[in-house]
């Protein structure tokens, strides 16, 4: 039974269950299958890294207060975070890995660092 490479279509020689003619064709085939997913994940990871960097820049000592506008001016994206922590008194902290923020009055945020994360 004759079979062809799934990527380039070349005739395959050797094992009967062989799907690709070489490693390059195998890699290219799988890259094309996963390209969109890989880009989505890469873009989200870049946003998360940027958000964490911004929080770290404003919060070198572990506790700080900043305004929403200060964060936005640096490119912070409030839609992306890694976890949420709600306290017993119903305050909600949003974390980007170990860096967190809590909305407080007058469009300001308390920045915190969780060393246990």
N, C-alpha and C. Protein backbone atom coordinates (compact mmCIF):
# COMPACT_ATOMS: atom_id res chain seq x y z
N UNK A 1 0.84 -1.18 0.00
CA UNK A 1 0.00 0.00 0.00
C UNK A 1 0.89 1.25 0.00
N UNK A 2 0.63 2.16 -0.87
CA UNK A 2 1.43 3.37 -1.02
C UNK A 2 0.79 4.50 -0.22
N UNK A 3 1.64 5.29 0.48
CA UNK A 3 1.12 6.45 1.22
C UNK A 3 2.01 7.66 0.93
N UNK A 4 1.45 8.83 1.21
CA UNK A 4 2.15 10.08 0.93
C UNK A 4 2.31 10.89 2.21
N UNK A 5 3.32 11.72 2.22
CA UNK A 5 3.59 12.61 3.35
C UNK A 5 2.39 13.54 3.57
N UNK A 6 1.95 13.67 4.82
CA UNK A 6 0.79 14.51 5.12
C UNK A 6 1.06 15.99 4.86
N UNK A 7 2.32 16.40 4.87
CA UNK A 7 2.64 17.82 4.67
C UNK A 7 2.92 18.14 3.20
N UNK A 8 3.88 17.44 2.59
CA UNK A 8 4.31 17.82 1.24
C UNK A 8 3.75 16.93 0.14
N UNK A 9 3.19 15.78 0.51
CA UNK A 9 2.61 14.89 -0.49
C UNK A 9 3.58 13.95 -1.16
N UNK A 10 4.84 14.00 -0.79
CA UNK A 10 5.84 13.09 -1.39
C UNK A 10 5.52 11.64 -1.02
N UNK A 11 5.90 10.73 -1.91
CA UNK A 11 5.72 9.30 -1.67
C UNK A 11 6.62 8.88 -0.50
N UNK A 12 6.05 8.11 0.44
CA UNK A 12 6.79 7.68 1.62
C UNK A 12 7.43 6.31 1.39
N UNK A 13 8.65 6.19 1.83
CA UNK A 13 9.38 4.93 1.76
C UNK A 13 9.68 4.48 3.18
N UNK A 14 9.66 3.19 3.41
CA UNK A 14 10.01 2.68 4.73
C UNK A 14 8.82 2.06 5.43
N UNK A 15 8.69 2.34 6.69
CA UNK A 15 7.64 1.74 7.51
C UNK A 15 6.25 1.99 6.94
N UNK A 16 5.37 1.06 7.16
CA UNK A 16 4.02 1.17 6.60
C UNK A 16 3.16 2.20 7.34
N UNK A 17 3.51 2.52 8.59
CA UNK A 17 2.72 3.49 9.35
C UNK A 17 3.35 4.88 9.35
N UNK A 18 4.34 5.09 8.53
CA UNK A 18 5.02 6.38 8.42
C UNK A 18 4.07 7.43 7.85
N UNK A 19 4.08 8.66 8.42
CA UNK A 19 3.17 9.71 7.99
C UNK A 19 3.89 10.89 7.33
N UNK A 20 5.17 11.06 7.62
CA UNK A 20 5.93 12.20 7.11
C UNK A 20 7.24 11.72 6.51
N UNK A 21 7.73 12.44 5.53
CA UNK A 21 8.97 12.03 4.88
C UNK A 21 10.21 12.42 5.69
N UNK A 22 10.10 13.47 6.54
CA UNK A 22 11.24 13.86 7.37
C UNK A 22 10.75 14.71 8.56
N UNK A 23 11.67 15.06 9.44
CA UNK A 23 11.32 15.84 10.63
C UNK A 23 10.82 17.23 10.28
N UNK A 24 11.35 17.81 9.25
CA UNK A 24 10.93 19.15 8.84
C UNK A 24 9.45 19.15 8.44
N UNK A 25 9.05 18.16 7.64
CA UNK A 25 7.64 18.07 7.23
C UNK A 25 6.75 17.83 8.44
N UNK A 26 7.19 16.98 9.36
CA UNK A 26 6.41 16.70 10.58
C UNK A 26 6.24 17.97 11.41
N UNK A 27 7.33 18.71 11.62
CA UNK A 27 7.27 19.95 12.40
C UNK A 27 6.39 20.99 11.72
N UNK A 28 6.55 21.16 10.42
CA UNK A 28 5.75 22.15 9.69
C UNK A 28 4.27 21.80 9.73
N UNK A 29 3.94 20.53 9.59
CA UNK A 29 2.54 20.08 9.62
C UNK A 29 1.89 20.43 10.97
N UNK A 30 2.57 20.09 12.06
CA UNK A 30 2.02 20.35 13.40
C UNK A 30 2.01 21.84 13.72
N UNK A 31 2.99 22.57 13.22
CA UNK A 31 3.00 24.02 13.42
C UNK A 31 1.78 24.66 12.76
N UNK A 32 1.45 24.23 11.55
CA UNK A 32 0.28 24.79 10.86
C UNK A 32 -1.01 24.46 11.60
N UNK A 33 -1.10 23.27 12.19
CA UNK A 33 -2.29 22.88 12.94
C UNK A 33 -2.49 23.74 14.18
N UNK A 34 -1.39 24.06 14.86
CA UNK A 34 -1.47 24.73 16.16
C UNK A 34 -1.16 26.22 16.11
N UNK A 35 -0.93 26.77 14.93
CA UNK A 35 -0.47 28.15 14.79
C UNK A 35 -1.38 29.16 15.48
N UNK A 36 -2.69 29.09 15.25
CA UNK A 36 -3.61 30.07 15.83
C UNK A 36 -3.66 29.95 17.35
N UNK A 37 -3.69 28.72 17.87
CA UNK A 37 -3.72 28.52 19.31
C UNK A 37 -2.43 29.03 19.96
N UNK A 38 -1.31 28.76 19.30
CA UNK A 38 -0.03 29.21 19.84
C UNK A 38 0.01 30.73 19.90
N UNK A 39 -0.46 31.41 18.85
CA UNK A 39 -0.47 32.87 18.85
C UNK A 39 -1.38 33.42 19.95
N UNK A 40 -2.54 32.83 20.15
CA UNK A 40 -3.46 33.28 21.19
C UNK A 40 -2.80 33.18 22.56
N UNK A 41 -2.20 32.04 22.85
CA UNK A 41 -1.54 31.84 24.14
C UNK A 41 -0.36 32.79 24.30
N UNK A 42 0.42 32.97 23.25
CA UNK A 42 1.57 33.88 23.31
C UNK A 42 1.10 35.31 23.60
N UNK A 43 0.04 35.75 22.94
CA UNK A 43 -0.47 37.11 23.15
C UNK A 43 -0.98 37.31 24.57
N UNK A 44 -1.70 36.33 25.10
CA UNK A 44 -2.20 36.44 26.48
C UNK A 44 -1.04 36.45 27.46
N UNK A 45 -0.07 35.58 27.26
CA UNK A 45 1.10 35.56 28.15
C UNK A 45 1.85 36.89 28.11
N UNK A 46 1.95 37.50 26.94
CA UNK A 46 2.62 38.81 26.84
C UNK A 46 1.85 39.88 27.61
N UNK A 47 0.52 39.85 27.55
CA UNK A 47 -0.28 40.81 28.31
C UNK A 47 -0.10 40.59 29.80
N UNK A 48 -0.11 39.33 30.24
CA UNK A 48 0.08 39.03 31.66
C UNK A 48 1.47 39.47 32.13
N UNK A 49 2.49 39.23 31.32
CA UNK A 49 3.85 39.66 31.70
C UNK A 49 3.93 41.18 31.81
N UNK A 50 3.29 41.89 30.85
CA UNK A 50 3.29 43.34 30.90
C UNK A 50 2.56 43.83 32.15
N UNK A 51 1.39 43.26 32.43
CA UNK A 51 0.64 43.65 33.62
C UNK A 51 1.46 43.44 34.89
N UNK A 52 2.11 42.28 35.00
CA UNK A 52 2.92 42.01 36.19
C UNK A 52 4.09 42.99 36.30
N UNK A 53 4.71 43.27 35.17
CA UNK A 53 5.83 44.23 35.18
C UNK A 53 5.36 45.61 35.64
N UNK A 54 4.21 46.05 35.17
CA UNK A 54 3.67 47.35 35.57
C UNK A 54 3.39 47.37 37.07
N UNK A 55 2.74 46.33 37.59
CA UNK A 55 2.46 46.27 39.02
C UNK A 55 3.75 46.25 39.83
N UNK A 56 4.74 45.50 39.38
CA UNK A 56 6.02 45.43 40.08
C UNK A 56 6.72 46.78 40.08
N UNK A 57 6.63 47.50 38.97
CA UNK A 57 7.26 48.81 38.87
C UNK A 57 6.66 49.80 39.88
N UNK A 58 5.34 49.77 40.00
CA UNK A 58 4.67 50.68 40.93
C UNK A 58 4.72 50.18 42.37
N UNK A 59 5.10 48.94 42.59
CA UNK A 59 5.03 48.34 43.92
C UNK A 59 6.34 47.66 44.32
N UNK A 60 7.45 48.40 44.38
CA UNK A 60 8.72 47.77 44.70
C UNK A 60 8.84 47.31 46.15
N UNK A 61 8.09 47.93 47.05
CA UNK A 61 8.20 47.61 48.47
C UNK A 61 7.16 46.60 48.96
N UNK A 62 6.20 46.23 48.13
CA UNK A 62 5.20 45.25 48.53
C UNK A 62 3.84 45.83 48.84
N UNK A 63 3.76 47.17 49.03
CA UNK A 63 2.48 47.85 49.24
C UNK A 63 2.58 49.24 48.66
N UNK A 64 1.55 49.64 47.89
CA UNK A 64 1.55 50.97 47.28
C UNK A 64 0.12 51.34 46.90
N UNK A 65 -0.08 52.62 46.60
CA UNK A 65 -1.36 53.14 46.12
C UNK A 65 -1.10 53.83 44.78
N UNK A 66 -1.92 53.50 43.77
CA UNK A 66 -1.82 54.14 42.46
C UNK A 66 -3.22 54.45 41.95
N UNK A 67 -3.28 55.31 40.95
CA UNK A 67 -4.56 55.61 40.33
C UNK A 67 -4.78 54.71 39.12
N UNK A 68 -6.01 54.58 38.72
CA UNK A 68 -6.35 53.82 37.51
C UNK A 68 -5.62 54.41 36.31
N UNK A 69 -5.57 55.73 36.24
CA UNK A 69 -4.95 56.38 35.09
C UNK A 69 -3.45 56.10 35.01
N UNK A 70 -2.79 56.03 36.16
CA UNK A 70 -1.36 55.69 36.15
C UNK A 70 -1.13 54.30 35.54
N UNK A 71 -1.98 53.35 35.92
CA UNK A 71 -1.85 52.00 35.38
C UNK A 71 -2.16 51.98 33.89
N UNK A 72 -3.24 52.66 33.49
CA UNK A 72 -3.62 52.69 32.08
C UNK A 72 -2.55 53.37 31.22
N UNK A 73 -1.94 54.43 31.75
CA UNK A 73 -0.89 55.14 31.00
C UNK A 73 0.30 54.23 30.69
N UNK A 74 0.53 53.24 31.54
CA UNK A 74 1.64 52.31 31.32
C UNK A 74 1.24 51.13 30.44
N UNK A 75 -0.05 51.03 30.10
CA UNK A 75 -0.52 49.96 29.23
C UNK A 75 -1.14 48.79 29.97
N UNK A 76 -1.51 48.98 31.23
CA UNK A 76 -2.12 47.91 32.02
C UNK A 76 -3.47 47.54 31.43
N UNK A 77 -3.75 46.23 31.36
CA UNK A 77 -5.01 45.72 30.82
C UNK A 77 -5.76 45.02 31.95
N UNK A 78 -6.85 45.64 32.41
CA UNK A 78 -7.60 45.12 33.55
C UNK A 78 -8.37 43.84 33.24
N UNK A 79 -8.47 43.46 31.98
CA UNK A 79 -9.21 42.24 31.62
C UNK A 79 -8.41 40.98 31.89
N UNK A 80 -7.09 41.10 32.07
CA UNK A 80 -6.25 39.92 32.20
C UNK A 80 -5.58 39.86 33.56
N UNK A 81 -5.84 38.77 34.27
CA UNK A 81 -5.23 38.51 35.57
C UNK A 81 -5.21 36.99 35.74
N UNK A 82 -4.48 36.50 36.74
CA UNK A 82 -4.34 35.05 36.88
C UNK A 82 -5.21 34.46 37.97
N UNK A 83 -5.60 35.26 38.98
CA UNK A 83 -6.46 34.72 40.03
C UNK A 83 -7.17 35.85 40.76
N UNK A 84 -8.20 35.45 41.50
CA UNK A 84 -8.99 36.38 42.31
C UNK A 84 -9.01 35.86 43.73
N UNK A 85 -8.85 36.76 44.68
CA UNK A 85 -8.94 36.40 46.10
C UNK A 85 -9.95 37.32 46.75
N UNK A 86 -10.97 36.74 47.39
CA UNK A 86 -11.99 37.52 48.09
C UNK A 86 -11.81 37.31 49.59
N UNK A 87 -11.70 38.40 50.32
CA UNK A 87 -11.50 38.33 51.77
C UNK A 87 -12.82 38.06 52.48
N UNK A 88 -12.75 37.82 53.77
CA UNK A 88 -13.97 37.59 54.56
C UNK A 88 -14.89 38.79 54.57
N UNK A 89 -14.31 39.99 54.47
CA UNK A 89 -15.14 41.19 54.46
C UNK A 89 -15.49 41.62 53.03
N UNK A 90 -15.45 40.67 52.09
CA UNK A 90 -15.92 40.83 50.70
C UNK A 90 -15.10 41.79 49.85
N UNK A 91 -13.85 42.00 50.20
CA UNK A 91 -12.96 42.78 49.32
C UNK A 91 -12.35 41.82 48.31
N UNK A 92 -12.29 42.23 47.05
CA UNK A 92 -11.80 41.36 45.99
C UNK A 92 -10.46 41.86 45.47
N UNK A 93 -9.45 41.03 45.63
CA UNK A 93 -8.12 41.29 45.10
C UNK A 93 -7.97 40.53 43.80
N UNK A 94 -7.39 41.19 42.80
CA UNK A 94 -7.07 40.55 41.53
C UNK A 94 -5.56 40.40 41.48
N UNK A 95 -5.11 39.20 41.14
CA UNK A 95 -3.68 38.93 41.12
C UNK A 95 -3.20 38.63 39.72
N UNK A 96 -2.01 39.12 39.41
CA UNK A 96 -1.26 38.73 38.24
C UNK A 96 -0.03 38.03 38.81
N UNK A 97 -0.15 36.73 38.90
CA UNK A 97 0.84 35.89 39.57
C UNK A 97 0.97 36.33 41.02
N UNK A 98 2.09 36.91 41.43
CA UNK A 98 2.27 37.29 42.84
C UNK A 98 1.93 38.75 43.12
N UNK A 99 1.61 39.53 42.11
CA UNK A 99 1.30 40.95 42.27
C UNK A 99 -0.22 41.14 42.21
N UNK A 100 -0.77 41.81 43.23
CA UNK A 100 -2.21 41.99 43.29
C UNK A 100 -2.62 43.44 43.39
N UNK A 101 -3.90 43.68 43.11
CA UNK A 101 -4.46 45.02 43.26
C UNK A 101 -5.89 44.93 43.76
N UNK A 102 -6.27 45.94 44.52
CA UNK A 102 -7.60 46.05 45.11
C UNK A 102 -8.13 47.43 44.79
N UNK A 103 -9.32 47.49 44.21
CA UNK A 103 -9.95 48.79 43.93
C UNK A 103 -10.36 49.43 45.25
N UNK A 104 -9.94 50.67 45.43
CA UNK A 104 -10.37 51.44 46.60
C UNK A 104 -11.04 52.72 46.11
N UNK A 105 -11.35 53.63 47.00
CA UNK A 105 -12.13 54.82 46.65
C UNK A 105 -11.41 55.72 45.64
N UNK A 106 -12.22 56.53 44.94
CA UNK A 106 -11.73 57.56 44.01
C UNK A 106 -10.86 57.02 42.88
N UNK A 107 -11.23 55.87 42.34
CA UNK A 107 -10.51 55.30 41.19
C UNK A 107 -9.03 55.06 41.49
N UNK A 108 -8.77 54.65 42.71
CA UNK A 108 -7.41 54.31 43.12
C UNK A 108 -7.34 52.82 43.43
N UNK A 109 -6.12 52.32 43.43
CA UNK A 109 -5.90 50.90 43.69
C UNK A 109 -4.79 50.72 44.72
N UNK A 110 -5.03 49.80 45.64
CA UNK A 110 -4.00 49.39 46.58
C UNK A 110 -3.27 48.21 45.94
N UNK A 111 -1.97 48.33 45.83
CA UNK A 111 -1.16 47.25 45.26
C UNK A 111 -0.53 46.46 46.39
N UNK A 112 -0.54 45.14 46.24
CA UNK A 112 0.03 44.25 47.25
C UNK A 112 0.85 43.19 46.54
N UNK A 113 1.73 42.56 47.34
CA UNK A 113 2.51 41.45 46.81
C UNK A 113 2.26 40.25 47.72
N UNK A 114 1.93 39.13 47.12
CA UNK A 114 1.71 37.90 47.88
C UNK A 114 2.93 37.02 47.68
N UNK A 115 3.73 36.87 48.72
CA UNK A 115 4.95 36.09 48.61
C UNK A 115 4.69 34.60 48.70
N UNK A 116 3.46 34.21 49.08
CA UNK A 116 3.12 32.79 49.20
C UNK A 116 2.70 32.18 47.87
N UNK A 117 2.56 32.96 46.82
CA UNK A 117 2.10 32.46 45.53
C UNK A 117 3.26 31.94 44.73
